[in-house]
Amino acid sequence: MTPVIGIDFGTTNSVVALLRPDGGTETARFAAGPEMLDVFRTVLCFWTDEVRAGGKLRHRAGPEAIEAYLDDPLDSRLIMSMKTYLAQASFTETRVFGRPFTLERLVALFLTELLEKGGIKAKGARIVAGRPVRFAGDFANDALGAQRLGEAYAAAGLTHVSQALEPEAAGYRFARTLTKPAVVLIGDFGGGTSDFSLLRFTPGANGGVTALGRSGIGIAGDVFDYRIIDNVVSPLLGRGGSYTVMGKQLPVPPEYFLQFARWHRLSLMRNPKTLREIGEVARAADHPERLRNLIALIEDEMGYRLYQVVSGVKATLSSERKAILSFRHRDLVIEQMITRNEFEWWIADDIAKMATTVDAALADANLPAEAVDHVFLTGGTSFVPAVRRLFDDRFGASKVTAGGEFVSVAEGLALIGRDRAK
């Protein structure tokens, strides 16, 4: 029996599912420190053995890439969100320590590491690769995106590859329970983006899936994390404070705290010029200890650990009415209770923008909300109660189903591969 593999190459995380002999699926597991996870961070890190030109170029992917970057952020190159550039004709290549890399080659390097770290032997396997209905970007060329994705798989030595729509895969197991044609809204929530696709599923041997409309927005789990940091953590590091220069009171530069929007940006502040500037502001600040705590976080590369703690608080608030954000580093001690009501107030504007994006998908399909028969939500952010309420209120709770927190796309791709072989 020819092995069948579904690969969900994502913007933030990637997942691999394998078809079992009994027709079911199982996901590959990846080491992340002491844990084994279903997801593999879509990240590459490059560095050289020697500072001089011509030093041997090294790379790592996934959690190991993050570790390598945190070890030496100033002398390494972190590559993230590769998927968002696939359909951008303006992106032809980038240079990494003087070496040219096409986007296809970068993706191929990542895919090779993904399969190797998952212990997967893909030679000769039938692979179904996920692709979005529409690729990211304001001027995205979807045909180019699909072409580049295929070329990246080929560059990784994977030859028996077909593509399938990610929302189709996300709802595939669900759609197989349908007994009549239905319009289904798929909400696919990643770390950086939320994508909404309207599809018509027609069951039966002659059935299939038809894409009706789609929209997306750069608001998802990472933004919700940032709202917690901005409201709880950043004020304890100097945000909103002031300092005095020549008798004039000035606000602490807000750009220091904009870097918290993505954990790795904090690492970019670990350079002598920025640290010296923050130190000068601290000496004249009303609360110098807060900015000194900011310097300590930057110097000791604590951004990633902080984001892990915050993400855990967000997850707890999906099932509990309150959670404690507990974080300590040197003189910084945070023990703050956060209620779900507070969190929902902080993300209210984001939820409103998400609702507008859902409306855009309906408009793209030229359909009213009443025409949607089912709603299927997948991804960790779909468990945030405020997100779930958006769909319950708009379409009716009886129509809304959620499942496959992170793995539904990859599992659906493997099942599509099984059915295509019949």
Protein backbone atom coordinates (compact mmCIF):
# COMPACT_ATOMS: atom_id res chain seq x y z
CA MET A 1 0.00 0.00 0.00
CA THR A 2 1.38 3.39 -1.02
CA PRO A 3 1.78 5.65 2.05
CA VAL A 4 -0.47 8.74 2.08
CA ILE A 5 0.65 11.90 3.87
CA GLY A 6 -1.21 15.16 4.41
CA ILE A 7 0.96 18.23 5.01
CA ASP A 8 -0.50 21.44 6.41
CA PHE A 9 2.31 23.94 5.77
CA GLY A 10 1.10 26.87 7.84
CA THR A 11 2.14 30.46 8.38
CA THR A 12 2.86 29.92 12.09
CA ASN A 13 2.69 26.15 12.65
CA SER A 14 2.86 23.12 10.39
CA VAL A 15 1.25 19.70 10.91
CA VAL A 16 1.75 16.33 9.20
CA ALA A 17 -0.86 13.55 9.20
CA LEU A 18 -0.38 9.97 7.99
CA LEU A 19 -3.05 7.61 6.74
CA ARG A 20 -3.20 4.42 8.78
CA PRO A 21 -3.84 0.99 7.17
CA ASP A 22 -7.32 0.97 8.72
CA GLY A 23 -8.23 4.19 6.86
CA GLY A 24 -7.90 6.44 9.89
CA THR A 25 -5.26 9.10 10.45
CA GLU A 26 -2.55 9.89 12.95
CA THR A 27 -0.43 13.01 13.28
CA ALA A 28 3.34 13.11 13.47
CA ARG A 29 4.78 14.12 16.83
CA PHE A 30 7.62 16.59 17.26
CA ALA A 31 9.98 17.16 20.17
CA ALA A 32 9.77 20.61 21.73
CA GLY A 33 12.05 20.48 24.75
CA PRO A 34 10.63 17.84 27.11
CA GLU A 35 7.27 17.81 25.32
CA MET A 36 6.01 16.02 22.23
CA LEU A 37 3.63 18.13 20.13
CA ASP A 38 1.42 17.71 17.06
CA VAL A 39 2.61 21.05 15.66
CA PHE A 40 5.98 22.20 14.36
CA ARG A 41 6.76 25.91 14.30
CA THR A 42 7.16 27.22 10.73
CA VAL A 43 10.50 28.90 11.35
CA LEU A 44 14.02 28.69 9.96
CA CYS A 45 17.15 30.09 11.57
CA PHE A 46 20.48 30.56 9.81
CA TRP A 47 23.93 31.33 11.20
CA THR A 48 27.55 30.83 10.17
CA ASP A 49 30.34 28.99 11.94
CA GLU A 50 32.65 31.93 11.45
CA VAL A 51 32.12 35.67 11.39
CA ARG A 52 34.31 36.11 8.32
CA ALA A 53 32.76 35.84 4.87
CA GLY A 54 32.68 32.31 3.58
CA GLY A 55 31.96 30.66 6.92
CA LYS A 56 29.88 27.48 6.71
CA LEU A 57 26.16 28.28 6.74
CA ARG A 58 24.10 26.36 9.29
CA HIS A 59 20.36 26.16 9.72
CA ARG A 60 17.69 24.72 11.98
CA ALA A 61 13.91 24.57 11.76
CA GLY A 62 11.04 24.58 14.24
CA PRO A 63 11.77 24.73 18.00
CA GLU A 64 15.49 24.24 17.36
CA ALA A 65 15.44 27.33 15.12
CA ILE A 66 13.93 29.36 17.94
CA GLU A 67 16.55 28.09 20.38
CA ALA A 68 19.37 28.92 17.96
CA TYR A 69 18.00 32.41 17.40
CA LEU A 70 17.63 33.09 21.13
CA ASP A 71 21.22 31.98 21.68
CA ASP A 72 22.53 34.69 19.35
CA PRO A 73 19.86 36.92 17.76
CA LEU A 74 22.29 39.55 16.52
CA ASP A 75 24.40 37.09 14.51
CA SER A 76 21.64 34.87 13.17
CA ARG A 77 18.79 35.29 10.70
CA LEU A 78 15.26 34.22 11.59
CA ILE A 79 12.92 33.44 8.70
CA MET A 80 9.21 33.42 9.59
CA SER A 81 5.87 33.54 7.76
CA MET A 82 7.32 32.13 4.51
CA LYS A 83 3.88 31.13 3.32
CA THR A 84 2.68 34.75 3.15
CA TYR A 85 5.14 35.49 0.31
CA LEU A 86 4.30 32.59 -2.02
CA ALA A 87 1.89 34.60 -4.17
CA GLN A 88 3.92 37.82 -4.16
CA ALA A 89 5.59 38.24 -7.55
CA SER A 90 7.84 40.96 -6.10
CA PHE A 91 9.58 38.39 -3.88
CA THR A 92 12.15 36.59 -5.99
CA GLU A 93 14.96 35.88 -3.57
CA THR A 94 16.56 36.97 -0.33
CA ARG A 95 20.16 36.86 0.81
CA VAL A 96 21.18 35.06 3.96
CA PHE A 97 24.72 35.92 5.02
CA GLY A 98 25.49 36.73 1.40
CA ARG A 99 24.00 33.55 -0.06
CA PRO A 100 20.99 33.85 -2.38
CA PHE A 101 17.87 31.87 -1.47
CA THR A 102 14.71 31.66 -3.51
CA LEU A 103 11.48 31.33 -1.57
CA GLU A 104 10.99 27.85 -3.01
CA ARG A 105 14.37 26.79 -1.64
CA LEU A 106 13.59 28.17 1.82
CA VAL A 107 10.28 26.31 1.93
CA ALA A 108 11.99 23.16 0.68
CA LEU A 109 14.57 23.34 3.46
CA PHE A 110 11.78 23.70 5.99
CA LEU A 111 9.75 20.81 4.55
CA THR A 112 12.79 18.55 4.62
CA GLU A 113 13.38 19.35 8.29
CA LEU A 114 9.67 18.99 9.07
CA LEU A 115 9.52 15.44 7.74
CA GLU A 116 12.89 14.46 9.21
CA LYS A 117 12.00 15.73 12.70
CA GLY A 118 8.67 13.91 12.47
CA GLY A 119 10.46 10.66 11.64
CA ILE A 120 8.57 10.40 8.36
CA LYS A 121 9.90 8.54 5.33
CA ALA A 122 8.19 10.32 2.47
CA LYS A 123 10.02 8.75 -0.47
CA GLY A 124 7.43 7.24 -2.81
CA ALA A 125 4.52 8.44 -0.67
CA ARG A 126 1.42 10.08 -2.09
CA ILE A 127 1.38 13.57 -0.57
CA VAL A 128 -1.54 15.99 -0.43
CA ALA A 129 -0.38 19.52 0.29
CA GLY A 130 -2.73 22.11 1.68
CA ARG A 131 -3.15 25.45 -0.04
CA PRO A 132 -5.40 28.42 0.75
CA VAL A 133 -8.36 29.34 -1.45
CA ARG A 134 -6.65 32.67 -1.89
CA PHE A 135 -3.08 33.33 -0.89
CA ALA A 136 -2.07 36.13 1.46
CA GLY A 137 -1.25 39.61 0.23
CA ASP A 138 -2.99 42.63 -1.26
CA PHE A 139 -1.88 41.78 -4.81
CA ALA A 140 -1.67 38.01 -4.46
CA ASN A 141 -1.32 35.92 -7.61
CA ASP A 142 -3.01 32.66 -6.59
CA ALA A 143 -1.73 30.74 -9.62
CA LEU A 144 1.82 31.82 -8.80
CA GLY A 145 1.34 30.84 -5.16
CA ALA A 146 0.17 27.34 -6.08
CA GLN A 147 3.00 26.99 -8.61
CA ARG A 148 5.67 28.04 -6.11
CA LEU A 149 4.24 25.75 -3.46
CA GLY A 150 4.48 22.82 -5.88
CA GLU A 151 8.00 23.77 -6.85
CA ALA A 152 9.01 23.94 -3.18
CA TYR A 153 7.78 20.38 -2.62
CA ALA A 154 9.65 19.24 -5.73
CA ALA A 155 12.82 20.96 -4.51
CA ALA A 156 12.46 18.98 -1.29
CA GLY A 157 12.54 15.78 -3.35
CA LEU A 158 8.81 15.10 -2.99
CA THR A 159 7.46 14.12 -6.39
CA HIS A 160 4.00 12.55 -5.92
CA VAL A 161 2.32 15.71 -4.67
CA SER A 162 -1.16 17.07 -5.29
CA GLN A 163 -2.80 20.09 -3.70
CA ALA A 164 -6.13 20.53 -1.94
CA LEU A 165 -7.89 23.54 -0.45
CA GLU A 166 -7.16 23.98 3.25
CA PRO A 167 -10.73 24.86 4.23
CA GLU A 168 -11.97 21.84 2.27
CA ALA A 169 -9.54 19.71 4.27
CA ALA A 170 -10.48 21.39 7.57
CA GLY A 171 -14.12 20.48 7.06
CA TYR A 172 -13.56 17.20 5.22
CA ARG A 173 -14.35 14.82 8.04
CA PHE A 174 -17.33 16.97 8.98
CA ALA A 175 -18.51 17.23 5.36
CA ARG A 176 -18.52 13.43 5.00
CA THR A 177 -21.40 13.33 7.50
CA LEU A 178 -23.59 15.41 5.16
CA THR A 179 -26.47 13.66 3.41
CA LYS A 180 -27.39 16.50 1.07
CA PRO A 181 -25.67 19.49 -0.57
CA ALA A 182 -24.85 22.21 1.93
CA VAL A 183 -23.18 25.62 2.13
CA VAL A 184 -20.55 25.52 4.88
CA LEU A 185 -18.60 28.41 6.36
CA ILE A 186 -15.14 27.26 7.45
CA GLY A 187 -13.36 29.45 10.00
CA ASP A 188 -9.65 28.56 10.10
CA PHE A 189 -7.86 30.37 12.93
CA GLY A 190 -4.07 30.33 12.90
CA GLY A 191 -1.52 32.15 15.02
CA GLY A 192 -1.28 35.19 12.76
CA THR A 193 -4.38 35.13 10.54
CA SER A 194 -8.03 34.15 10.55
CA ASP A 195 -9.44 32.89 7.24
CA PHE A 196 -13.09 32.39 6.37
CA SER A 197 -14.18 30.36 3.37
CA LEU A 198 -17.67 29.59 2.08
CA LEU A 199 -17.82 26.26 0.33
CA ARG A 200 -20.60 24.16 -1.17
CA PHE A 201 -20.12 20.51 -0.32
CA THR A 202 -22.01 17.99 -2.48
CA PRO A 203 -21.88 14.44 -1.07
CA GLY A 204 -21.88 11.30 -3.17
CA ALA A 205 -19.66 9.70 -5.79
CA ASN A 206 -20.18 12.56 -8.23
CA GLY A 207 -20.04 15.24 -5.57
CA GLY A 208 -17.26 17.61 -4.69
CA VAL A 209 -16.55 21.01 -3.26
CA THR A 210 -17.09 24.44 -4.82
CA ALA A 211 -15.45 27.58 -3.46
CA LEU A 212 -18.02 30.37 -3.16
CA GLY A 213 -16.31 33.17 -1.28
CA ARG A 214 -13.44 33.96 1.01
CA SER A 215 -11.92 36.63 3.25
CA GLY A 216 -9.14 36.87 5.78
CA ILE A 217 -7.64 39.18 8.38
CA GLY A 218 -4.36 39.44 10.24
CA ILE A 219 -6.01 39.02 13.63
CA ALA A 220 -5.81 35.76 15.56
CA GLY A 221 -4.10 34.22 18.56
CA ASP A 222 -0.91 36.32 18.45
CA VAL A 223 -2.89 39.57 18.51
CA PHE A 224 -4.96 38.37 21.47
CA ASP A 225 -1.72 37.57 23.31
CA TYR A 226 -0.47 41.08 22.59
CA ARG A 227 -3.63 42.61 24.10
CA ILE A 228 -2.87 40.86 27.39
CA ILE A 229 0.74 42.01 27.31
CA ASP A 230 -0.21 45.57 26.42
CA ASN A 231 -2.72 45.86 29.25
CA VAL A 232 -0.98 43.88 31.99
CA VAL A 233 2.74 43.61 31.33
CA SER A 234 3.81 46.72 29.40
CA PRO A 235 2.62 49.24 32.07
CA LEU A 236 4.93 47.47 34.55
CA LEU A 237 7.81 47.99 32.11
CA GLY A 238 7.27 51.74 31.68
CA ARG A 239 4.51 52.09 29.09
CA GLY A 240 2.43 55.20 29.79
CA GLY A 241 5.12 56.67 32.06
CA SER A 242 7.15 59.82 31.61
CA TYR A 243 10.68 61.14 31.99
CA THR A 244 12.11 64.65 32.41
CA VAL A 245 14.68 66.36 30.18
CA MET A 246 15.80 69.95 30.92
CA GLY A 247 12.72 70.51 33.03
CA LYS A 248 10.34 69.24 30.33
CA GLN A 249 8.25 66.14 30.93
CA LEU A 250 8.09 63.73 28.00
CA PRO A 251 6.30 60.39 27.50
CA VAL A 252 8.35 57.21 27.56
CA PRO A 253 8.71 56.33 23.84
CA PRO A 254 5.75 54.09 22.96
CA GLU A 255 7.72 52.34 20.21
CA TYR A 256 9.56 50.36 22.89
CA PHE A 257 6.34 48.48 23.57
CA LEU A 258 5.17 48.06 20.00
CA GLN A 259 7.95 45.49 19.70
CA PHE A 260 5.92 43.21 21.97
CA ALA A 261 3.51 42.59 19.07
CA ARG A 262 5.80 39.67 18.09
CA TRP A 263 8.12 37.95 20.57
CA HIS A 264 11.13 37.87 18.27
CA ARG A 265 11.07 41.65 17.77
CA LEU A 266 12.09 42.06 21.40
CA SER A 267 15.33 40.28 20.51
CA LEU A 268 16.04 42.90 17.86
CA MET A 269 16.17 45.52 20.63
CA ARG A 270 19.17 43.75 22.16
CA ASN A 271 21.74 46.04 20.61
CA PRO A 272 23.97 48.60 22.35
CA LYS A 273 22.30 51.67 20.82
CA THR A 274 18.75 50.73 21.86
CA LEU A 275 19.76 49.51 25.32
CA ARG A 276 21.79 52.68 25.91
CA GLU A 277 18.82 54.83 24.86
CA ILE A 278 16.41 53.00 27.19
CA GLY A 279 18.97 53.33 30.00
CA GLU A 280 19.19 57.09 29.49
CA VAL A 281 15.40 57.40 29.59
CA ALA A 282 15.30 55.26 32.74
CA ARG A 283 17.69 57.57 34.59
CA ALA A 284 15.29 60.48 34.05
CA ALA A 285 12.04 58.52 34.41
CA ASP A 286 9.40 58.82 37.11
CA HIS A 287 9.63 55.05 37.60
CA PRO A 288 13.17 54.07 36.58
CA GLU A 289 12.78 50.54 37.98
CA ARG A 290 10.16 49.73 35.36
CA LEU A 291 12.45 50.54 32.45
CA ARG A 292 15.29 48.68 34.14
CA ASN A 293 13.03 45.64 34.17
CA LEU A 294 12.44 46.16 30.45
CA ILE A 295 16.20 46.22 29.87
CA ALA A 296 16.57 42.98 31.86
CA LEU A 297 13.91 41.25 29.73
CA ILE A 298 15.68 42.33 26.55
CA GLU A 299 19.20 41.47 27.71
CA ASP A 300 18.20 38.05 29.02
CA GLU A 301 16.06 37.11 25.99
CA MET A 302 12.88 36.57 27.99
CA GLY A 303 10.40 37.52 25.24
CA TYR A 304 9.67 33.95 24.18
CA ARG A 305 9.16 32.74 27.76
CA LEU A 306 6.86 35.68 28.48
CA TYR A 307 4.74 34.89 25.42
CA GLN A 308 4.45 31.25 26.48
CA VAL A 309 3.10 32.33 29.88
CA VAL A 310 0.66 34.80 28.31
CA SER A 311 -0.56 32.24 25.78
CA GLY A 312 -1.26 29.86 28.65
CA VAL A 313 -3.34 32.52 30.41
CA LYS A 314 -5.35 33.09 27.23
CA ALA A 315 -6.02 29.36 26.94
CA THR A 316 -7.16 29.18 30.56
CA LEU A 317 -9.59 32.05 29.99
CA SER A 318 -11.26 29.99 27.26
CA SER A 319 -12.50 27.52 29.88
CA GLU A 320 -12.36 29.51 33.13
CA ARG A 321 -13.78 32.87 34.17
CA LYS A 322 -10.42 34.09 35.49
CA ALA A 323 -6.72 33.28 35.34
CA ILE A 324 -3.56 34.45 37.07
CA LEU A 325 -0.69 35.80 35.00
CA SER A 326 2.37 34.73 36.97
CA PHE A 327 5.77 35.82 35.65
CA ARG A 328 9.02 36.54 37.48
CA HIS A 329 12.41 37.65 36.23
CA ARG A 330 15.02 39.37 38.36
CA ASP A 331 13.19 42.29 40.02
CA LEU A 332 10.08 41.97 37.88
CA VAL A 333 7.30 40.16 39.71
CA ILE A 334 3.86 39.85 38.10
CA GLU A 335 1.02 38.08 39.89
CA GLN A 336 -2.15 39.54 38.40
CA MET A 337 -5.62 38.14 38.19
CA ILE A 338 -7.27 38.61 34.79
CA THR A 339 -10.99 38.03 34.33
CA ARG A 340 -12.58 36.86 31.12
CA ASN A 341 -14.65 40.08 31.05
CA GLU A 342 -11.44 42.16 31.10
CA PHE A 343 -9.90 40.09 28.34
CA GLU A 344 -13.02 40.38 26.19
CA TRP A 345 -13.01 44.15 26.66
CA TRP A 346 -9.39 44.29 25.45
CA ILE A 347 -10.14 42.26 22.31
CA ALA A 348 -13.54 43.82 21.54
CA ASP A 349 -12.24 45.87 18.59
CA ASP A 350 -10.49 42.80 17.18
CA ILE A 351 -13.70 40.77 17.40
CA ALA A 352 -15.58 43.58 15.62
CA LYS A 353 -13.02 43.54 12.79
CA MET A 354 -13.31 39.77 12.62
CA ALA A 355 -17.09 40.12 12.26
CA THR A 356 -16.60 42.57 9.40
CA THR A 357 -14.30 40.05 7.73
CA VAL A 358 -16.96 37.33 8.00
CA ASP A 359 -19.38 39.77 6.34
CA ALA A 360 -16.82 40.25 3.56
CA ALA A 361 -16.75 36.49 2.91
CA LEU A 362 -20.56 36.47 2.65
CA ALA A 363 -20.44 39.45 0.28
CA ASP A 364 -17.74 37.76 -1.81
CA ALA A 365 -20.07 34.77 -2.18
CA ASN A 366 -23.08 37.03 -2.70
CA LEU A 367 -24.92 35.12 0.02
CA PRO A 368 -26.90 36.21 3.10
CA ALA A 369 -26.07 34.67 6.48
CA GLU A 370 -29.31 32.70 6.29
CA ALA A 371 -27.98 30.76 3.29
CA VAL A 372 -25.23 29.16 5.41
CA ASP A 373 -26.28 25.66 6.47
CA HIS A 374 -23.33 24.82 8.73
CA VAL A 375 -20.35 26.57 10.33
CA PHE A 376 -17.17 24.63 11.12
CA LEU A 377 -14.46 26.33 13.21
CA THR A 378 -10.93 25.03 13.67
CA GLY A 379 -7.77 26.35 15.30
CA GLY A 380 -6.99 27.31 18.88
CA THR A 381 -8.55 30.78 18.68
CA SER A 382 -11.94 29.22 17.86
CA PHE A 383 -12.13 28.20 21.53
CA VAL A 384 -12.06 31.80 22.75
CA PRO A 385 -15.66 32.32 23.98
CA ALA A 386 -15.96 35.77 22.39
CA VAL A 387 -15.01 34.29 19.02
CA ARG A 388 -17.49 31.44 19.36
CA ARG A 389 -20.27 33.91 20.31
CA LEU A 390 -19.64 35.85 17.12
CA PHE A 391 -20.68 32.81 15.07
CA ASP A 392 -23.42 31.64 17.44
CA ASP A 393 -25.06 35.08 17.27
CA ARG A 394 -24.65 35.47 13.51
CA PHE A 395 -25.65 31.99 12.33
CA GLY A 396 -27.32 30.29 15.29
CA ALA A 397 -25.57 28.07 17.81
CA SER A 398 -27.19 24.93 16.39
CA LYS A 399 -25.30 25.42 13.12
CA VAL A 400 -21.86 25.90 14.68
CA THR A 401 -19.40 23.03 15.22
CA ALA A 402 -15.75 23.19 16.27
CA GLY A 403 -13.04 20.57 16.30
CA GLY A 404 -9.53 19.48 15.43
CA GLU A 405 -7.91 22.34 17.29
CA PHE A 406 -4.68 22.24 15.28
CA VAL A 407 -4.72 19.06 13.25
CA SER A 408 -7.98 19.03 11.28
CA VAL A 409 -6.45 20.42 8.07
CA ALA A 410 -3.60 17.89 7.95
CA GLU A 411 -5.92 15.00 8.81
CA GLY A 412 -8.39 16.11 6.15
CA LEU A 413 -5.59 16.28 3.59
CA ALA A 414 -4.61 12.68 4.35
CA LEU A 415 -8.24 11.57 4.00
CA ILE A 416 -8.51 13.42 0.69
CA GLY A 417 -5.40 11.52 -0.47
CA ARG A 418 -7.07 8.26 0.53
CA ASP A 419 -10.24 9.04 -1.42
CA ARG A 420 -8.38 10.32 -4.49
CA ALA A 421 -6.59 6.97 -4.73
CA LYS A 422 -9.87 5.06 -5.00
